[in-house]
């Protein structure tokens, strides 16, 4: 991690898509915006959050980045085929279809990360894990069931620890650690 004068970092673990996946997600985001309005997320910020840690003291962030760089993870394929909405934060997202069941390797990755994080003193967030990639923020009304797209097969190759750093009202993401893929 680069030296920083920051006293805290806003951290999360995520799966990071490749360029081809980002291109298709951006097509989906434009279609969602046409229906719901809102602000499309920037291509370089698209990701699937696995564990949101929030504001973290900079020294704890450095320790976690060091630790996480040694956490081996297993990744596999998944299919994004469903659009949804988080009404409170007004986010429109794409994710695996709930009707098709859970993605076993993704649930195992989520559980494994949180087990390691809890051993390091972190507290797991309440609620069920809903894997998704946020496409829009500040979305207006619009029935996401009207959105349709050919399913997107994605085989993630990168699991990373990221710091979100605001700069002039825009979040910039810095990868602090890449987890080795088994």
N, C-alpha and C. Protein backbone atom coordinates (compact mmCIF):
# COMPACT_ATOMS: atom_id res chain seq x y z
N UNK A 1 0.84 -1.18 0.00
CA UNK A 1 0.00 0.00 0.00
C UNK A 1 0.88 1.23 0.00
N UNK A 2 0.48 2.23 -0.72
CA UNK A 2 1.24 3.46 -0.78
C UNK A 2 1.11 4.21 0.54
N UNK A 3 2.14 4.94 0.89
CA UNK A 3 2.08 5.76 2.09
C UNK A 3 0.97 6.78 1.93
N UNK A 4 0.26 7.03 3.01
CA UNK A 4 -0.88 7.93 2.94
C UNK A 4 -0.97 8.72 4.22
N UNK A 5 -1.43 9.95 4.11
CA UNK A 5 -1.64 10.77 5.29
C UNK A 5 -3.04 10.57 5.85
N UNK A 6 -3.83 9.69 5.22
CA UNK A 6 -5.20 9.43 5.67
C UNK A 6 -5.16 8.70 7.01
N UNK A 7 -6.14 9.01 7.85
CA UNK A 7 -6.23 8.32 9.13
C UNK A 7 -7.14 7.10 9.03
N UNK A 8 -7.96 7.02 7.97
CA UNK A 8 -8.81 5.85 7.78
C UNK A 8 -9.03 5.59 6.30
N UNK A 9 -9.45 4.35 6.04
CA UNK A 9 -9.73 3.90 4.68
C UNK A 9 -11.11 3.27 4.69
N UNK A 10 -11.86 3.42 3.62
CA UNK A 10 -13.15 2.74 3.48
C UNK A 10 -12.88 1.49 2.65
N UNK A 11 -12.98 0.32 3.28
CA UNK A 11 -12.52 -0.93 2.67
C UNK A 11 -13.64 -1.87 2.28
N UNK A 12 -13.37 -2.67 1.24
CA UNK A 12 -14.25 -3.77 0.88
C UNK A 12 -13.47 -4.80 0.07
N UNK A 13 -13.94 -6.05 0.14
CA UNK A 13 -13.43 -7.12 -0.70
C UNK A 13 -14.39 -7.28 -1.86
N UNK A 14 -13.85 -7.56 -3.05
CA UNK A 14 -14.72 -7.66 -4.23
C UNK A 14 -14.12 -8.57 -5.29
N UNK A 15 -15.01 -9.03 -6.15
CA UNK A 15 -14.61 -9.67 -7.40
C UNK A 15 -14.58 -8.58 -8.45
N UNK A 16 -13.49 -8.55 -9.22
CA UNK A 16 -13.31 -7.49 -10.22
C UNK A 16 -13.47 -8.07 -11.61
N UNK A 17 -14.35 -7.49 -12.44
CA UNK A 17 -14.58 -8.05 -13.78
C UNK A 17 -13.48 -7.66 -14.78
N UNK A 18 -13.34 -8.50 -15.79
CA UNK A 18 -12.42 -8.22 -16.89
C UNK A 18 -13.08 -7.22 -17.84
N UNK A 19 -12.33 -6.74 -18.82
CA UNK A 19 -12.82 -5.69 -19.74
C UNK A 19 -14.05 -6.12 -20.53
N UNK A 20 -14.10 -7.36 -20.99
CA UNK A 20 -15.26 -7.81 -21.77
C UNK A 20 -16.52 -7.84 -20.91
N UNK A 21 -16.38 -8.28 -19.68
CA UNK A 21 -17.53 -8.30 -18.76
C UNK A 21 -17.98 -6.88 -18.45
N UNK A 22 -17.03 -5.98 -18.23
CA UNK A 22 -17.37 -4.58 -17.97
C UNK A 22 -18.14 -3.99 -19.15
N UNK A 23 -17.71 -4.28 -20.37
CA UNK A 23 -18.38 -3.74 -21.56
C UNK A 23 -19.84 -4.18 -21.60
N UNK A 24 -20.10 -5.44 -21.32
CA UNK A 24 -21.48 -5.91 -21.33
C UNK A 24 -22.27 -5.31 -20.17
N UNK A 25 -21.67 -5.20 -19.00
CA UNK A 25 -22.35 -4.57 -17.87
C UNK A 25 -22.69 -3.11 -18.16
N UNK A 26 -21.83 -2.43 -18.88
CA UNK A 26 -22.11 -1.04 -19.24
C UNK A 26 -23.30 -0.96 -20.20
N UNK A 27 -23.42 -1.92 -21.12
CA UNK A 27 -24.61 -1.97 -21.98
C UNK A 27 -25.86 -2.15 -21.11
N UNK A 28 -25.78 -3.03 -20.14
CA UNK A 28 -26.91 -3.25 -19.24
C UNK A 28 -27.22 -1.99 -18.45
N UNK A 29 -26.19 -1.28 -18.01
CA UNK A 29 -26.38 -0.05 -17.23
C UNK A 29 -27.10 1.01 -18.06
N UNK A 30 -26.72 1.13 -19.33
CA UNK A 30 -27.39 2.11 -20.20
C UNK A 30 -28.87 1.75 -20.40
N UNK A 31 -29.17 0.47 -20.55
CA UNK A 31 -30.57 0.04 -20.68
C UNK A 31 -31.33 0.31 -19.39
N UNK A 32 -30.71 0.06 -18.27
CA UNK A 32 -31.35 0.32 -16.98
C UNK A 32 -31.58 1.81 -16.78
N UNK A 33 -30.63 2.62 -17.19
CA UNK A 33 -30.79 4.07 -17.06
C UNK A 33 -31.93 4.58 -17.93
N UNK A 34 -32.08 4.01 -19.11
CA UNK A 34 -33.17 4.42 -20.00
C UNK A 34 -34.53 4.16 -19.35
N UNK A 35 -34.62 3.13 -18.54
CA UNK A 35 -35.87 2.78 -17.87
C UNK A 35 -36.04 3.52 -16.54
N UNK A 36 -34.95 3.63 -15.77
CA UNK A 36 -35.05 4.10 -14.38
C UNK A 36 -34.43 5.47 -14.12
N UNK A 37 -33.70 6.02 -15.08
CA UNK A 37 -32.96 7.25 -14.79
C UNK A 37 -31.79 6.90 -13.88
N UNK A 38 -31.29 7.90 -13.20
CA UNK A 38 -30.19 7.66 -12.27
C UNK A 38 -28.84 7.87 -12.91
N UNK A 39 -27.80 7.58 -12.14
CA UNK A 39 -26.42 7.79 -12.58
C UNK A 39 -25.76 6.44 -12.80
N UNK A 40 -25.23 6.24 -14.01
CA UNK A 40 -24.49 5.02 -14.32
C UNK A 40 -23.15 5.06 -13.59
N UNK A 41 -22.79 3.94 -12.99
CA UNK A 41 -21.48 3.86 -12.35
C UNK A 41 -20.39 3.85 -13.41
N UNK A 42 -19.24 4.39 -13.07
CA UNK A 42 -18.12 4.42 -14.00
C UNK A 42 -17.60 3.00 -14.24
N UNK A 43 -17.19 2.70 -15.47
CA UNK A 43 -16.74 1.33 -15.80
C UNK A 43 -15.65 0.82 -14.86
N UNK A 44 -14.72 1.68 -14.47
CA UNK A 44 -13.61 1.24 -13.64
C UNK A 44 -14.02 0.96 -12.20
N UNK A 45 -15.28 1.24 -11.85
CA UNK A 45 -15.74 0.98 -10.49
C UNK A 45 -16.68 -0.22 -10.39
N UNK A 46 -17.00 -0.85 -11.50
CA UNK A 46 -17.91 -1.99 -11.46
C UNK A 46 -17.24 -3.18 -10.78
N UNK A 47 -17.95 -3.81 -9.86
CA UNK A 47 -17.42 -4.93 -9.09
C UNK A 47 -18.56 -5.63 -8.36
N UNK A 48 -18.27 -6.81 -7.82
CA UNK A 48 -19.21 -7.53 -6.97
C UNK A 48 -18.64 -7.54 -5.56
N UNK A 49 -19.26 -6.81 -4.66
CA UNK A 49 -18.79 -6.74 -3.28
C UNK A 49 -19.04 -8.07 -2.57
N UNK A 50 -18.03 -8.53 -1.88
CA UNK A 50 -18.12 -9.75 -1.07
C UNK A 50 -18.20 -9.43 0.41
N UNK A 51 -17.48 -8.41 0.84
CA UNK A 51 -17.46 -8.03 2.25
C UNK A 51 -17.17 -6.53 2.33
N UNK A 52 -18.12 -5.79 2.87
CA UNK A 52 -17.92 -4.35 3.06
C UNK A 52 -17.50 -4.13 4.50
N UNK A 53 -16.34 -3.49 4.69
CA UNK A 53 -15.78 -3.30 6.02
C UNK A 53 -15.95 -1.88 6.53
N UNK A 54 -16.21 -0.94 5.63
CA UNK A 54 -16.42 0.44 6.04
C UNK A 54 -15.14 1.14 6.44
N UNK A 55 -15.31 2.23 7.17
CA UNK A 55 -14.17 3.04 7.59
C UNK A 55 -13.26 2.23 8.51
N UNK A 56 -12.00 2.20 8.16
CA UNK A 56 -11.01 1.40 8.86
C UNK A 56 -9.78 2.26 9.11
N UNK A 57 -9.25 2.27 10.33
CA UNK A 57 -8.00 3.02 10.57
C UNK A 57 -6.91 2.58 9.58
N UNK A 58 -6.12 3.52 9.14
CA UNK A 58 -5.10 3.26 8.11
C UNK A 58 -4.14 2.16 8.52
N UNK A 59 -3.73 2.11 9.79
CA UNK A 59 -2.81 1.05 10.21
C UNK A 59 -3.49 -0.32 10.16
N UNK A 60 -4.77 -0.41 10.50
CA UNK A 60 -5.51 -1.67 10.40
C UNK A 60 -5.68 -2.07 8.93
N UNK A 61 -5.87 -1.09 8.05
CA UNK A 61 -5.99 -1.36 6.62
C UNK A 61 -4.69 -1.96 6.09
N UNK A 62 -3.56 -1.41 6.52
CA UNK A 62 -2.26 -1.95 6.08
C UNK A 62 -2.07 -3.38 6.58
N UNK A 63 -2.43 -3.64 7.84
CA UNK A 63 -2.29 -4.99 8.38
C UNK A 63 -3.19 -5.97 7.62
N UNK A 64 -4.43 -5.55 7.35
CA UNK A 64 -5.36 -6.42 6.64
C UNK A 64 -4.86 -6.69 5.22
N UNK A 65 -4.33 -5.69 4.55
CA UNK A 65 -3.80 -5.89 3.19
C UNK A 65 -2.67 -6.91 3.21
N UNK A 66 -1.82 -6.82 4.21
CA UNK A 66 -0.71 -7.77 4.34
C UNK A 66 -1.25 -9.18 4.56
N UNK A 67 -2.21 -9.32 5.49
CA UNK A 67 -2.80 -10.63 5.79
C UNK A 67 -3.52 -11.19 4.56
N UNK A 68 -4.37 -10.39 3.95
CA UNK A 68 -5.23 -10.84 2.86
C UNK A 68 -4.42 -11.30 1.65
N UNK A 69 -3.25 -10.73 1.45
CA UNK A 69 -2.41 -11.13 0.31
C UNK A 69 -2.01 -12.59 0.41
N UNK A 70 -2.17 -13.20 1.57
CA UNK A 70 -1.84 -14.62 1.75
C UNK A 70 -3.06 -15.53 1.81
N UNK A 71 -4.25 -14.97 1.67
CA UNK A 71 -5.48 -15.77 1.73
C UNK A 71 -5.81 -16.33 0.35
N UNK A 72 -5.61 -17.58 0.14
CA UNK A 72 -5.92 -18.21 -1.14
C UNK A 72 -7.42 -18.39 -1.26
N UNK A 73 -7.96 -18.11 -2.44
CA UNK A 73 -9.39 -18.24 -2.69
C UNK A 73 -9.63 -19.09 -3.93
N UNK A 74 -10.80 -19.72 -3.96
CA UNK A 74 -11.22 -20.48 -5.14
C UNK A 74 -12.35 -19.72 -5.82
N UNK A 75 -12.24 -19.58 -7.12
CA UNK A 75 -13.24 -18.87 -7.92
C UNK A 75 -13.82 -19.83 -8.94
N UNK A 76 -14.94 -19.47 -9.50
CA UNK A 76 -15.58 -20.31 -10.50
C UNK A 76 -16.49 -19.48 -11.38
N UNK A 77 -17.25 -20.13 -12.24
CA UNK A 77 -18.15 -19.40 -13.14
C UNK A 77 -19.47 -19.03 -12.45
N UNK A 78 -20.06 -17.97 -12.92
CA UNK A 78 -21.40 -17.61 -12.51
C UNK A 78 -22.09 -16.94 -13.69
N UNK A 79 -23.39 -16.84 -13.61
CA UNK A 79 -24.18 -16.23 -14.67
C UNK A 79 -24.98 -15.09 -14.08
N UNK A 80 -24.80 -13.90 -14.64
CA UNK A 80 -25.60 -12.75 -14.26
C UNK A 80 -26.78 -12.70 -15.22
N UNK A 81 -27.99 -12.75 -14.67
CA UNK A 81 -29.15 -12.81 -15.56
C UNK A 81 -30.37 -12.11 -14.99
N UNK A 82 -30.23 -11.48 -13.84
CA UNK A 82 -31.37 -10.86 -13.19
C UNK A 82 -31.04 -9.42 -12.82
N UNK A 83 -32.00 -8.53 -13.03
CA UNK A 83 -31.87 -7.15 -12.59
C UNK A 83 -32.69 -6.99 -11.32
N UNK A 84 -32.25 -6.11 -10.46
CA UNK A 84 -32.99 -5.85 -9.24
C UNK A 84 -32.74 -4.44 -8.76
N UNK A 85 -33.32 -4.13 -7.62
CA UNK A 85 -33.24 -2.77 -7.09
C UNK A 85 -33.15 -2.84 -5.57
N UNK A 86 -32.27 -2.02 -5.01
CA UNK A 86 -32.26 -1.76 -3.57
C UNK A 86 -32.94 -0.41 -3.42
N UNK A 87 -34.14 -0.41 -2.86
CA UNK A 87 -34.95 0.80 -2.84
C UNK A 87 -34.39 1.90 -1.94
N UNK A 88 -33.91 1.53 -0.74
CA UNK A 88 -33.39 2.55 0.17
C UNK A 88 -32.31 3.39 -0.48
N UNK A 89 -31.22 2.75 -0.93
CA UNK A 89 -30.15 3.52 -1.57
C UNK A 89 -30.40 3.82 -3.05
N UNK A 90 -31.54 3.36 -3.59
CA UNK A 90 -31.91 3.63 -4.99
C UNK A 90 -30.84 3.14 -5.97
N UNK A 91 -30.45 1.89 -5.78
CA UNK A 91 -29.45 1.25 -6.63
C UNK A 91 -30.13 0.20 -7.50
N UNK A 92 -29.80 0.19 -8.78
CA UNK A 92 -30.22 -0.87 -9.70
C UNK A 92 -28.99 -1.75 -9.93
N UNK A 93 -29.20 -3.06 -9.88
CA UNK A 93 -28.09 -4.01 -9.96
C UNK A 93 -28.40 -5.16 -10.91
N UNK A 94 -27.34 -5.90 -11.23
CA UNK A 94 -27.44 -7.16 -11.98
C UNK A 94 -26.78 -8.25 -11.14
N UNK A 95 -27.38 -9.44 -11.17
CA UNK A 95 -26.81 -10.53 -10.39
C UNK A 95 -27.31 -11.87 -10.87
N UNK A 96 -26.86 -12.92 -10.19
CA UNK A 96 -27.37 -14.25 -10.51
C UNK A 96 -28.87 -14.31 -10.19
N UNK A 97 -29.61 -15.06 -10.98
CA UNK A 97 -31.05 -15.19 -10.77
C UNK A 97 -31.32 -15.98 -9.50
N UNK A 98 -32.07 -15.40 -8.59
CA UNK A 98 -32.40 -16.07 -7.34
C UNK A 98 -33.16 -17.37 -7.60
N UNK A 99 -33.98 -17.40 -8.64
CA UNK A 99 -34.78 -18.59 -8.94
C UNK A 99 -33.91 -19.78 -9.35
N UNK A 100 -32.70 -19.51 -9.79
CA UNK A 100 -31.81 -20.60 -10.22
C UNK A 100 -31.01 -21.17 -9.06
N UNK A 101 -31.20 -20.65 -7.87
CA UNK A 101 -30.50 -21.16 -6.69
C UNK A 101 -29.20 -20.43 -6.44
N UNK A 102 -28.57 -20.83 -5.38
CA UNK A 102 -27.32 -20.21 -4.95
C UNK A 102 -26.15 -20.71 -5.80
N UNK A 103 -25.10 -19.90 -5.88
CA UNK A 103 -23.86 -20.28 -6.55
C UNK A 103 -22.93 -20.78 -5.45
N UNK A 104 -22.71 -22.09 -5.41
CA UNK A 104 -22.01 -22.71 -4.28
C UNK A 104 -20.62 -22.13 -4.04
N UNK A 105 -19.82 -21.98 -5.09
CA UNK A 105 -18.46 -21.48 -4.88
C UNK A 105 -18.48 -20.04 -4.38
N UNK A 106 -19.46 -19.24 -4.82
CA UNK A 106 -19.55 -17.85 -4.40
C UNK A 106 -19.96 -17.75 -2.93
N UNK A 107 -20.91 -18.59 -2.52
CA UNK A 107 -21.29 -18.63 -1.11
C UNK A 107 -20.12 -19.09 -0.25
N UNK A 108 -19.36 -20.08 -0.73
CA UNK A 108 -18.19 -20.57 0.02
C UNK A 108 -17.13 -19.48 0.14
N UNK A 109 -16.92 -18.71 -0.92
CA UNK A 109 -15.96 -17.61 -0.89
C UNK A 109 -16.40 -16.56 0.13
N UNK A 110 -17.66 -16.18 0.09
CA UNK A 110 -18.21 -15.21 1.04
C UNK A 110 -18.01 -15.70 2.49
N UNK A 111 -18.40 -16.94 2.74
CA UNK A 111 -18.26 -17.50 4.10
C UNK A 111 -16.80 -17.56 4.52
N UNK A 112 -15.95 -18.02 3.61
CA UNK A 112 -14.52 -18.12 3.92
C UNK A 112 -13.90 -16.78 4.25
N UNK A 113 -14.23 -15.76 3.46
CA UNK A 113 -13.70 -14.41 3.75
C UNK A 113 -14.17 -13.94 5.11
N UNK A 114 -15.47 -14.08 5.37
CA UNK A 114 -15.99 -13.59 6.66
C UNK A 114 -15.44 -14.40 7.83
N UNK A 115 -15.23 -15.68 7.66
CA UNK A 115 -14.62 -16.46 8.75
C UNK A 115 -13.23 -15.92 9.08
N UNK A 116 -12.45 -15.63 8.05
CA UNK A 116 -11.11 -15.07 8.27
C UNK A 116 -11.20 -13.67 8.88
N UNK A 117 -12.12 -12.86 8.37
CA UNK A 117 -12.26 -11.50 8.89
C UNK A 117 -12.71 -11.51 10.35
N UNK A 118 -13.62 -12.40 10.70
CA UNK A 118 -14.07 -12.49 12.09
C UNK A 118 -12.93 -12.92 13.00
N UNK A 119 -12.06 -13.81 12.52
CA UNK A 119 -10.90 -14.21 13.32
C UNK A 119 -9.94 -13.05 13.54
N UNK A 120 -10.00 -12.07 12.62
CA UNK A 120 -9.16 -10.87 12.75
C UNK A 120 -9.87 -9.75 13.51
N UNK A 121 -11.08 -10.02 14.01
CA UNK A 121 -11.77 -9.02 14.82
C UNK A 121 -12.85 -8.21 14.11
N UNK A 122 -13.15 -8.51 12.86
CA UNK A 122 -14.19 -7.78 12.12
C UNK A 122 -15.55 -8.37 12.46
N UNK A 123 -16.58 -7.57 12.34
CA UNK A 123 -17.95 -8.03 12.57
C UNK A 123 -18.68 -8.14 11.24
N UNK A 124 -19.29 -9.29 11.06
CA UNK A 124 -20.06 -9.55 9.84
C UNK A 124 -21.31 -8.68 9.82
N UNK A 125 -21.67 -8.22 8.63
CA UNK A 125 -22.87 -7.42 8.46
C UNK A 125 -24.10 -8.29 8.64
N UNK A 126 -25.16 -7.69 9.17
CA UNK A 126 -26.43 -8.41 9.31
C UNK A 126 -27.05 -8.58 7.92
N UNK A 127 -27.86 -9.60 7.78
CA UNK A 127 -28.58 -9.81 6.53
C UNK A 127 -27.92 -10.85 5.66
N UNK A 128 -28.69 -11.30 4.69
CA UNK A 128 -28.23 -12.33 3.76
C UNK A 128 -27.35 -11.72 2.68
N UNK A 129 -26.42 -12.51 2.18
CA UNK A 129 -25.55 -12.11 1.08
C UNK A 129 -26.35 -12.17 -0.21
N UNK A 130 -26.45 -11.04 -0.91
CA UNK A 130 -27.12 -10.98 -2.22
C UNK A 130 -26.07 -10.56 -3.24
N UNK A 131 -25.45 -11.54 -3.92
CA UNK A 131 -24.41 -11.18 -4.89
C UNK A 131 -24.99 -10.33 -6.01
N UNK A 132 -24.29 -9.23 -6.30
CA UNK A 132 -24.77 -8.32 -7.35
C UNK A 132 -23.65 -7.38 -7.77
N UNK A 133 -23.84 -6.79 -8.93
CA UNK A 133 -22.98 -5.71 -9.43
C UNK A 133 -23.89 -4.49 -9.57
N UNK A 134 -23.59 -3.43 -8.82
CA UNK A 134 -24.38 -2.21 -8.92
C UNK A 134 -24.13 -1.56 -10.28
N UNK A 135 -25.23 -1.15 -10.94
CA UNK A 135 -25.15 -0.52 -12.25
C UNK A 135 -25.50 0.96 -12.19
N UNK A 136 -26.52 1.32 -11.38
CA UNK A 136 -27.00 2.70 -11.27
C UNK A 136 -27.10 3.12 -9.82
N UNK A 137 -26.87 4.38 -9.58
CA UNK A 137 -27.15 5.01 -8.29
C UNK A 137 -28.22 6.07 -8.52
N UNK A 138 -28.93 6.41 -7.46
CA UNK A 138 -29.98 7.44 -7.52
C UNK A 138 -31.01 7.15 -8.60
N UNK A 139 -31.35 5.87 -8.74
CA UNK A 139 -32.31 5.46 -9.76
C UNK A 139 -33.71 5.94 -9.38
N UNK A 140 -34.45 6.35 -10.38
CA UNK A 140 -35.83 6.73 -10.19
C UNK A 140 -36.73 5.50 -10.31
N UNK A 141 -38.03 5.74 -10.41
CA UNK A 141 -38.95 4.60 -10.54
C UNK A 141 -38.73 3.90 -11.88
N UNK A 142 -39.12 2.69 -11.91
CA UNK A 142 -39.00 1.86 -13.11
C UNK A 142 -38.97 0.42 -12.65
N UNK A 143 -39.72 -0.41 -13.30
CA UNK A 143 -39.84 -1.81 -12.93
C UNK A 143 -38.69 -2.58 -13.55
N UNK A 144 -37.73 -3.02 -12.74
CA UNK A 144 -36.56 -3.72 -13.28
C UNK A 144 -36.93 -5.07 -13.91
N UNK A 145 -38.14 -5.56 -13.65
CA UNK A 145 -38.57 -6.80 -14.32
C UNK A 145 -38.77 -6.58 -15.81
N UNK A 146 -38.87 -5.32 -16.23
CA UNK A 146 -39.00 -5.01 -17.66
C UNK A 146 -37.67 -5.05 -18.39
N UNK A 147 -36.58 -5.08 -17.63
CA UNK A 147 -35.24 -5.16 -18.24
C UNK A 147 -34.95 -6.61 -18.60
N UNK A 148 -34.40 -6.79 -19.77
CA UNK A 148 -33.99 -8.14 -20.13
C UNK A 148 -32.72 -8.05 -20.96
N UNK A 149 -31.90 -9.03 -20.78
CA UNK A 149 -30.65 -9.12 -21.54
C UNK A 149 -30.26 -10.59 -21.57
N UNK A 150 -29.49 -10.94 -22.58
CA UNK A 150 -28.99 -12.32 -22.63
C UNK A 150 -28.12 -12.54 -21.39
N UNK A 151 -28.21 -13.69 -20.76
CA UNK A 151 -27.39 -13.96 -19.57
C UNK A 151 -25.91 -13.73 -19.86
N UNK A 152 -25.24 -13.22 -18.87
CA UNK A 152 -23.81 -12.92 -18.97
C UNK A 152 -23.04 -13.95 -18.16
N UNK A 153 -22.30 -14.81 -18.84
CA UNK A 153 -21.43 -15.78 -18.17
C UNK A 153 -20.15 -15.06 -17.77
N UNK A 154 -19.81 -15.15 -16.49
CA UNK A 154 -18.63 -14.47 -15.96
C UNK A 154 -17.84 -15.46 -15.12
N UNK A 155 -16.58 -15.57 -15.42
CA UNK A 155 -15.67 -16.38 -14.61
C UNK A 155 -14.62 -15.44 -14.02
N UNK A 156 -14.91 -14.90 -12.83
CA UNK A 156 -13.98 -13.95 -12.22
C UNK A 156 -12.59 -14.56 -12.04
N UNK A 157 -11.58 -13.71 -12.22
CA UNK A 157 -10.20 -14.15 -12.02
C UNK A 157 -9.49 -13.32 -10.95
N UNK A 158 -10.17 -12.28 -10.45
CA UNK A 158 -9.54 -11.39 -9.45
C UNK A 158 -10.46 -11.18 -8.26
N UNK A 159 -9.92 -11.48 -7.08
CA UNK A 159 -10.57 -11.16 -5.81
C UNK A 159 -9.62 -10.21 -5.09
N UNK A 160 -10.12 -9.03 -4.73
CA UNK A 160 -9.24 -7.97 -4.24
C UNK A 160 -9.79 -7.29 -2.99
N UNK A 161 -8.87 -6.72 -2.21
CA UNK A 161 -9.20 -5.82 -1.12
C UNK A 161 -9.01 -4.42 -1.67
N UNK A 162 -10.04 -3.58 -1.53
CA UNK A 162 -10.04 -2.26 -2.15
C UNK A 162 -10.30 -1.18 -1.12
N UNK A 163 -9.64 -0.03 -1.31
CA UNK A 163 -9.93 1.17 -0.53
C UNK A 163 -10.67 2.14 -1.44
N UNK A 164 -11.78 2.63 -0.95
CA UNK A 164 -12.55 3.64 -1.67
C UNK A 164 -12.14 4.99 -1.11
N UNK A 165 -11.64 5.84 -1.99
CA UNK A 165 -11.12 7.14 -1.54
C UNK A 165 -11.82 8.26 -2.29
N UNK A 166 -12.60 9.05 -1.57
CA UNK A 166 -13.29 10.16 -2.24
C UNK A 166 -12.31 11.25 -2.66
N UNK A 167 -12.57 11.82 -3.84
CA UNK A 167 -11.76 12.93 -4.34
C UNK A 167 -12.70 13.84 -5.12
N UNK A 168 -12.96 15.01 -4.58
CA UNK A 168 -13.86 15.98 -5.21
C UNK A 168 -15.24 15.38 -5.47
N UNK A 169 -15.74 14.64 -4.48
CA UNK A 169 -17.08 14.07 -4.57
C UNK A 169 -17.20 12.80 -5.39
N UNK A 170 -16.08 12.29 -5.89
CA UNK A 170 -16.10 11.07 -6.71
C UNK A 170 -15.22 10.02 -6.03
N UNK A 171 -15.75 8.81 -5.89
CA UNK A 171 -14.97 7.74 -5.28
C UNK A 171 -13.95 7.18 -6.26
N UNK A 172 -12.75 7.00 -5.79
CA UNK A 172 -11.69 6.35 -6.56
C UNK A 172 -11.29 5.11 -5.80
N UNK A 173 -11.10 4.02 -6.53
CA UNK A 173 -10.77 2.74 -5.89
C UNK A 173 -9.32 2.42 -6.10
N UNK A 174 -8.66 2.02 -5.00
CA UNK A 174 -7.28 1.57 -5.03
C UNK A 174 -7.22 0.15 -4.51
N UNK A 175 -6.65 -0.76 -5.29
CA UNK A 175 -6.49 -2.13 -4.85
C UNK A 175 -5.33 -2.18 -3.86
N UNK A 176 -5.63 -2.67 -2.65
CA UNK A 176 -4.62 -2.78 -1.60
C UNK A 176 -3.98 -4.16 -1.59
N UNK A 177 -4.76 -5.19 -2.00
CA UNK A 177 -4.24 -6.55 -2.04
C UNK A 177 -5.04 -7.37 -3.04
N UNK A 178 -4.33 -8.24 -3.75
CA UNK A 178 -4.97 -9.23 -4.62
C UNK A 178 -4.82 -10.57 -3.93
N UNK A 179 -5.91 -11.27 -3.75
CA UNK A 179 -5.86 -12.56 -3.09
C UNK A 179 -5.44 -13.62 -4.10
N UNK A 180 -4.51 -14.50 -3.73
CA UNK A 180 -4.09 -15.54 -4.67
C UNK A 180 -5.23 -16.49 -4.98
N UNK A 181 -5.38 -16.84 -6.24
CA UNK A 181 -6.44 -17.74 -6.68
C UNK A 181 -5.88 -19.16 -6.73
N UNK A 182 -6.60 -20.07 -6.03
CA UNK A 182 -6.15 -21.47 -5.97
C UNK A 182 -6.44 -22.16 -7.28
